[in-house]
Protein backbone atom coordinates (compact mmCIF):
# COMPACT_ATOMS: atom_id res chain seq x y z
CA UNK A 1 -66.46 86.64 -37.68
CA UNK A 2 -67.81 82.84 -36.00
CA UNK A 3 -67.75 82.22 -32.86
CA UNK A 4 -66.80 77.81 -32.59
CA UNK A 5 -65.27 76.88 -29.37
CA UNK A 6 -62.39 74.51 -29.67
CA UNK A 7 -62.47 71.41 -27.23
CA UNK A 8 -59.69 69.32 -28.90
CA UNK A 9 -56.95 71.11 -28.02
CA UNK A 10 -55.74 72.43 -24.96
CA UNK A 11 -55.94 75.68 -23.12
CA UNK A 12 -52.57 77.22 -23.60
CA UNK A 13 -50.08 76.78 -27.09
CA UNK A 14 -46.01 77.57 -26.49
CA UNK A 15 -44.66 79.52 -29.18
CA UNK A 16 -41.63 80.45 -29.22
CA UNK A 17 -39.75 82.90 -33.02
CA UNK A 18 -36.72 81.21 -33.21
CA UNK A 19 -38.07 78.14 -33.11
CA UNK A 20 -40.59 78.36 -36.04
CA UNK A 21 -37.84 80.42 -38.04
CA UNK A 22 -35.85 77.50 -37.71
CA UNK A 23 -38.88 75.81 -38.29
CA UNK A 24 -39.19 77.93 -41.46
CA UNK A 25 -34.98 76.88 -42.33
CA UNK A 26 -35.67 72.82 -41.99
CA UNK A 27 -38.89 72.72 -44.26
CA UNK A 28 -37.07 74.48 -46.62
CA UNK A 29 -33.98 72.31 -46.46
CA UNK A 30 -36.52 69.72 -47.01
CA UNK A 31 -37.84 71.17 -50.07
CA UNK A 32 -33.73 71.55 -51.48
CA UNK A 33 -33.36 67.46 -50.48
CA UNK A 34 -35.88 66.47 -53.01
CA UNK A 35 -34.21 68.96 -55.61
CA UNK A 36 -36.64 71.99 -55.51
CA UNK A 37 -33.00 74.00 -54.99
CA UNK A 38 -30.12 74.28 -56.04
CA UNK A 39 -27.02 73.82 -53.71
CA UNK A 40 -25.95 77.22 -52.54
CA UNK A 41 -29.87 77.68 -51.75
CA UNK A 42 -28.59 74.42 -49.40
CA UNK A 43 -25.45 76.13 -48.02
CA UNK A 44 -26.80 79.30 -47.69
CA UNK A 45 -30.10 77.95 -45.76
CA UNK A 46 -26.90 76.07 -43.03
CA UNK A 47 -25.31 79.44 -43.21
CA UNK A 48 -28.66 81.01 -42.13
CA UNK A 49 -29.44 78.48 -39.11
CA UNK A 50 -26.53 79.54 -37.35
CA UNK A 51 -27.07 82.87 -37.42
CA UNK A 52 -30.47 82.22 -36.64
CA UNK A 53 -28.74 80.75 -33.38
CA UNK A 54 -26.80 83.18 -33.60
CA UNK A 55 -29.51 85.73 -32.75
CA UNK A 56 -32.01 84.28 -30.22
CA UNK A 57 -31.44 86.61 -27.54
CA UNK A 58 -32.48 89.42 -29.64
CA UNK A 59 -34.93 87.10 -31.00
CA UNK A 60 -36.32 86.73 -27.39
CA UNK A 61 -37.68 83.68 -25.29
CA UNK A 62 -41.20 81.67 -25.92
CA UNK A 63 -44.39 82.52 -24.63
CA UNK A 64 -47.04 80.94 -23.56
CA UNK A 65 -50.74 81.98 -25.19
CA UNK A 66 -53.45 81.44 -23.77
CA UNK A 67 -57.44 79.50 -25.57
CA UNK A 68 -59.34 82.69 -26.71
CA UNK A 69 -62.58 82.02 -28.47
CA UNK A 70 -63.45 83.26 -31.58
CA UNK A 71 -66.44 85.77 -29.83
CA UNK A 72 -63.74 87.29 -28.24
CA UNK A 73 -61.24 87.39 -30.93
CA UNK A 74 -63.49 88.67 -33.17
CA UNK A 75 -65.32 91.38 -31.22
CA UNK A 76 -61.73 92.97 -30.31
CA UNK A 77 -61.25 92.76 -34.32
CA UNK A 78 -63.57 94.56 -35.67
CA UNK A 79 -62.94 97.68 -35.84
CA UNK A 80 -59.89 96.73 -38.01
CA UNK A 81 -61.05 93.98 -39.71
CA UNK A 82 -62.40 96.23 -43.11
CA UNK A 83 -58.56 97.89 -43.05
CA UNK A 84 -56.18 97.22 -46.39
CA UNK A 85 -53.81 95.00 -46.49
CA UNK A 86 -55.44 91.87 -45.62
CA UNK A 87 -54.63 90.62 -48.82
CA UNK A 88 -56.44 86.75 -48.54
CA UNK A 89 -59.98 88.62 -49.21
CA UNK A 90 -58.35 90.53 -53.03
CA UNK A 91 -57.31 86.60 -53.50
CA UNK A 92 -60.49 84.82 -52.79
CA UNK A 93 -62.73 87.41 -54.10
CA UNK A 94 -60.90 87.30 -57.37
CA UNK A 95 -62.21 83.31 -57.34
CA UNK A 96 -65.42 83.93 -55.08
CA UNK A 97 -67.08 86.85 -56.87
CA UNK A 98 -67.60 84.74 -60.74
CA UNK A 99 -69.24 82.39 -58.77
CA UNK A 100 -71.33 84.65 -57.30
CA UNK A 101 -72.12 86.43 -60.36
CA UNK A 102 -72.98 83.18 -62.71
CA UNK A 103 -76.23 82.21 -60.00
CA UNK A 104 -79.56 83.66 -60.35
CA UNK A 105 -81.01 86.06 -57.25
CA UNK A 106 -82.51 84.84 -54.58
CA UNK A 107 -82.83 84.30 -51.14
CA UNK A 108 -79.28 83.88 -49.86
CA UNK A 109 -77.81 82.70 -46.36
CA UNK A 110 -74.51 84.63 -45.89
CA UNK A 111 -73.20 82.27 -42.92
CA UNK A 112 -70.49 83.46 -40.46
CA UNK A 113 -70.76 86.44 -42.32
CA UNK A 114 -68.58 89.15 -40.25
CA UNK A 115 -68.61 92.95 -40.80
CA UNK A 116 -70.77 92.11 -44.39
CA UNK A 117 -68.26 91.84 -47.18
CA UNK A 118 -69.81 89.22 -49.14
CA UNK A 119 -73.07 90.15 -47.90
CA UNK A 120 -72.74 93.25 -49.32
CA UNK A 121 -71.93 92.08 -52.61
CA UNK A 122 -75.00 88.95 -52.17
CA UNK A 123 -77.85 92.44 -51.68
CA UNK A 124 -75.90 94.66 -54.83
CA UNK A 125 -76.39 91.67 -57.02
CA UNK A 126 -80.22 92.28 -55.91
CA UNK A 127 -80.01 88.57 -53.68
CA UNK A 128 -82.44 88.88 -50.46
CA UNK A 129 -80.47 88.07 -47.62
CA UNK A 130 -79.97 86.64 -44.20
CA UNK A 131 -76.46 87.42 -42.54
CA UNK A 132 -75.19 85.10 -39.28
CA UNK A 133 -73.11 85.68 -36.58
CA UNK A 134 -71.81 84.95 -33.44
CA UNK A 135 -69.71 88.12 -32.53
CA UNK A 136 -72.23 91.22 -32.45
CA UNK A 137 -69.48 93.53 -33.35
CA UNK A 138 -69.04 91.94 -36.88
CA UNK A 139 -72.64 92.28 -36.62
CA UNK A 140 -73.08 96.01 -35.01
CA UNK A 141 -70.80 96.42 -38.42
CA UNK A 142 -72.31 94.42 -41.25
CA UNK A 143 -75.52 96.49 -39.95
CA UNK A 144 -74.26 100.22 -40.81
CA UNK A 145 -72.69 98.24 -44.30
CA UNK A 146 -76.10 96.34 -45.54
CA UNK A 147 -79.15 97.88 -43.81
CA UNK A 148 -81.06 96.26 -46.86
CA UNK A 149 -80.09 92.41 -45.31
CA UNK A 150 -81.65 90.65 -42.22
CA UNK A 151 -79.05 89.80 -39.44
CA UNK A 152 -79.21 88.21 -36.80
CA UNK A 153 -77.11 85.74 -34.20
CA UNK A 154 -76.56 82.22 -34.84
CA UNK A 155 -73.99 79.15 -35.16
CA UNK A 156 -73.19 78.37 -38.63
CA UNK A 157 -74.01 74.91 -38.02
CA UNK A 158 -77.23 76.32 -36.31
CA UNK A 159 -79.69 78.08 -38.41
CA UNK A 160 -83.29 80.45 -37.65
CA UNK A 161 -84.66 78.99 -41.01
CA UNK A 162 -86.91 76.77 -42.27
CA UNK A 163 -85.93 73.67 -44.41
CA UNK A 164 -85.63 74.10 -48.82
CA UNK A 165 -86.00 78.26 -48.37
CA UNK A 166 -82.71 79.30 -49.52
CA UNK A 167 -81.23 79.15 -52.91
CA UNK A 168 -77.72 79.76 -51.91
CA UNK A 169 -75.47 79.78 -48.91
CA UNK A 170 -72.68 81.65 -48.80
CA UNK A 171 -69.69 81.06 -46.03
CA UNK A 172 -66.62 82.75 -45.87
CA UNK A 173 -62.98 81.96 -43.81
CA UNK A 174 -64.50 80.84 -41.22
CA UNK A 175 -65.36 76.76 -41.21
CA UNK A 176 -61.27 76.39 -40.07
CA UNK A 177 -62.53 76.92 -36.68
CA UNK A 178 -65.06 73.56 -36.42
CA UNK A 179 -62.95 70.63 -36.18
CA UNK A 180 -65.19 69.21 -37.81
CA UNK A 181 -67.32 70.36 -40.79
CA UNK A 182 -70.18 67.61 -40.68
CA UNK A 183 -72.38 69.71 -38.93
CA UNK A 184 -72.39 72.93 -41.47
CA UNK A 185 -73.44 70.45 -44.57
CA UNK A 186 -75.59 68.78 -42.79
CA UNK A 187 -77.16 72.49 -42.35
CA UNK A 188 -76.98 74.11 -45.40
CA UNK A 189 -78.54 70.88 -46.56
CA UNK A 190 -81.48 71.49 -44.99
CA UNK A 191 -81.82 75.11 -45.20
CA UNK A 192 -81.24 74.79 -49.10
CA UNK A 193 -83.23 73.76 -51.61
CA UNK A 194 -82.90 71.72 -54.23
CA UNK A 195 -80.78 72.57 -57.21
CA UNK A 196 -79.52 75.38 -54.64
CA UNK A 197 -75.46 75.85 -54.17
CA UNK A 198 -73.13 75.91 -51.49
CA UNK A 199 -70.01 78.11 -52.22
CA UNK A 200 -67.34 77.92 -49.48
CA UNK A 201 -63.71 79.63 -48.99
CA UNK A 202 -61.79 78.60 -46.41
CA UNK A 203 -58.04 79.43 -45.07
CA UNK A 204 -55.32 76.33 -46.32
CA UNK A 205 -53.36 77.56 -42.71
CA UNK A 206 -49.37 79.00 -42.11
CA UNK A 207 -47.74 75.66 -40.49
CA UNK A 208 -46.90 73.54 -43.19
CA UNK A 209 -46.68 70.17 -41.54
CA UNK A 210 -49.54 71.15 -39.05
CA UNK A 211 -53.14 70.47 -39.33
CA UNK A 212 -53.29 73.11 -36.52
CA UNK A 213 -52.79 77.19 -37.08
CA UNK A 214 -53.93 79.59 -34.20
CA UNK A 215 -54.81 82.50 -34.88
CA UNK A 216 -53.71 85.14 -32.95
CA UNK A 217 -55.99 88.43 -31.43
CA UNK A 218 -56.61 90.21 -28.70
CA UNK A 219 -60.62 91.00 -27.03
CA UNK A 220 -61.68 94.05 -27.20
CA UNK A 221 -60.15 94.68 -23.27
CA UNK A 222 -56.35 94.14 -26.17
CA UNK A 223 -55.65 90.58 -24.08
CA UNK A 224 -54.13 88.15 -26.29
CA UNK A 225 -54.66 85.25 -26.89
CA UNK A 226 -55.21 82.76 -30.30
CA UNK A 227 -58.45 81.22 -31.17
CA UNK A 228 -57.80 77.47 -32.23
CA UNK A 229 -57.47 77.01 -35.98
CA UNK A 230 -58.00 74.04 -38.35
CA UNK A 231 -56.61 72.97 -41.61
CA UNK A 232 -58.73 70.86 -43.42
CA UNK A 233 -58.09 68.14 -46.27
CA UNK A 234 -59.62 67.80 -49.69
CA UNK A 235 -61.42 65.18 -48.18
CA UNK A 236 -62.60 66.17 -45.21
CA UNK A 237 -64.87 68.51 -47.92
CA UNK A 238 -65.97 65.99 -49.67
CA UNK A 239 -66.39 62.97 -46.96
CA UNK A 240 -68.81 65.93 -45.64
CA UNK A 241 -71.14 67.33 -48.18
CA UNK A 242 -71.93 64.29 -50.60
CA UNK A 243 -73.63 62.13 -48.15
CA UNK A 244 -76.10 65.53 -48.10
CA UNK A 245 -76.60 65.49 -51.61
CA UNK A 246 -74.03 67.78 -52.78
CA UNK A 247 -72.20 67.47 -55.77
CA UNK A 248 -69.23 69.36 -56.73
CA UNK A 249 -69.47 72.24 -59.44
CA UNK A 250 -65.78 73.50 -58.88
CA UNK A 251 -63.20 73.68 -56.58
CA UNK A 252 -59.55 75.85 -56.23
CA UNK A 253 -56.95 76.29 -54.50
CA UNK A 254 -55.52 79.55 -55.33
CA UNK A 255 -52.32 80.77 -54.47
CA UNK A 256 -50.32 83.78 -53.41
CA UNK A 257 -49.60 86.04 -56.50
CA UNK A 258 -45.88 86.91 -54.95
CA UNK A 259 -43.49 86.19 -52.53
CA UNK A 260 -44.14 85.72 -48.95
CA UNK A 261 -42.30 88.56 -48.20
CA UNK A 262 -39.22 90.73 -49.68
CA UNK A 263 -36.21 90.41 -49.44
CA UNK A 264 -34.30 92.66 -47.31
CA UNK A 265 -32.68 95.15 -47.88
CA UNK A 266 -30.67 95.56 -45.32
CA UNK A 267 -28.82 92.58 -43.40
CA UNK A 268 -29.59 92.45 -40.00
CA UNK A 269 -33.64 92.68 -39.57
CA UNK A 270 -35.35 94.63 -36.75
CA UNK A 271 -36.18 92.91 -33.38
CA UNK A 272 -39.48 91.69 -32.87
CA UNK A 273 -41.15 94.66 -32.08
CA UNK A 274 -43.03 93.62 -29.29
CA UNK A 275 -40.67 91.06 -26.40
CA UNK A 276 -42.97 89.86 -24.26
CA UNK A 277 -46.16 89.21 -26.73
CA UNK A 278 -47.06 85.70 -28.58
CA UNK A 279 -44.18 86.39 -31.94
CA UNK A 280 -45.89 88.53 -35.53
CA UNK A 281 -44.73 85.61 -37.97
CA UNK A 282 -45.15 88.08 -40.44
CA UNK A 283 -41.93 90.03 -38.25
CA UNK A 284 -39.92 86.99 -38.34
CA UNK A 285 -39.63 86.10 -41.91
CA UNK A 286 -37.62 89.24 -42.43
CA UNK A 287 -35.12 86.59 -39.85
CA UNK A 288 -35.26 84.39 -42.87
CA UNK A 289 -36.84 86.02 -46.11
CA UNK A 290 -36.06 83.14 -48.58
CA UNK A 291 -36.44 80.37 -46.50
CA UNK A 292 -39.83 81.32 -45.61
CA UNK A 293 -41.14 82.09 -49.88
CA UNK A 294 -39.63 78.74 -50.40
CA UNK A 295 -41.55 76.92 -47.89
CA UNK A 296 -45.03 78.83 -49.53
CA UNK A 297 -44.37 79.18 -53.27
CA UNK A 298 -47.27 78.19 -55.18
CA UNK A 299 -49.25 76.16 -51.68
CA UNK A 300 -52.52 76.75 -51.91
CA UNK A 301 -53.53 79.78 -49.57
CA UNK A 302 -56.99 79.27 -49.60
CA UNK A 303 -59.93 76.25 -51.47
CA UNK A 304 -62.97 77.43 -53.04
CA UNK A 305 -65.74 75.19 -53.47
CA UNK A 306 -69.43 75.65 -55.48
CA UNK A 307 -71.55 72.69 -54.02
CA UNK A 308 -74.66 72.09 -55.77
CA UNK A 309 -77.77 70.35 -53.78
CA UNK A 310 -79.18 68.09 -56.11
CA UNK A 311 -82.45 67.58 -57.53
CA UNK A 312 -85.16 65.55 -55.13
């Protein structure tokens, strides 16, 4: 979707399935300790910790996961990116589309456009759209999907556009791949006309307690790795936006509308489907469904911003 390399993280990370599950139980127990859950819930979590420890061999060992560039990761993901099953799109679009609907057609930029999900929506609303991404495979799909738009390979922090030439700048689910947001807002302020809007959606991540949440993907040669990803705080966006002349017109933090995982229908969840490979946290949730639901309950999965560039 967008190509950023991290230099602040190490070359590889270590992920252990049992460590993830015990971590879930720990966060759930902290919530119970704070008063969100009762004695019965606490006792159930402690019993589940014991059963998880007993199941260590079934869950398998940890694994070192190498770092992967987002260009390689999204090139590998491109063919399946638009397939049904990514619930975050529906949540995000339910917030982003009304913002876009409120803005008149003009010249729009879809930065880190991926397969053209928002490019297509903007074009259908009458915008003249420029789509930019660093993944060749994502761009190839976007070009076929939205033939009326103009596409080019470019980093969101450096776009091949003249200053004050754009009415709307969108960037969806991509800024988490950047540790520092300031260059993006500086570039958006450069290309936007006064009164133009910057509409951003960004993922909030999965690992409570850490600003990191590596995205595990496979490249086009089926080699797995992690794309470095960061969870930004609300103040990070404001610290980057306000000095560049942006004012806030809207901020939304949608929650997941349903439990993270359905409670298992049988007492013994299946062992990991792909032993010896990075653990799939969504498969692991079945081993601690109540804990997973407690941990992610009411936790924002996204942040969506509508910024306006102040008049000169």
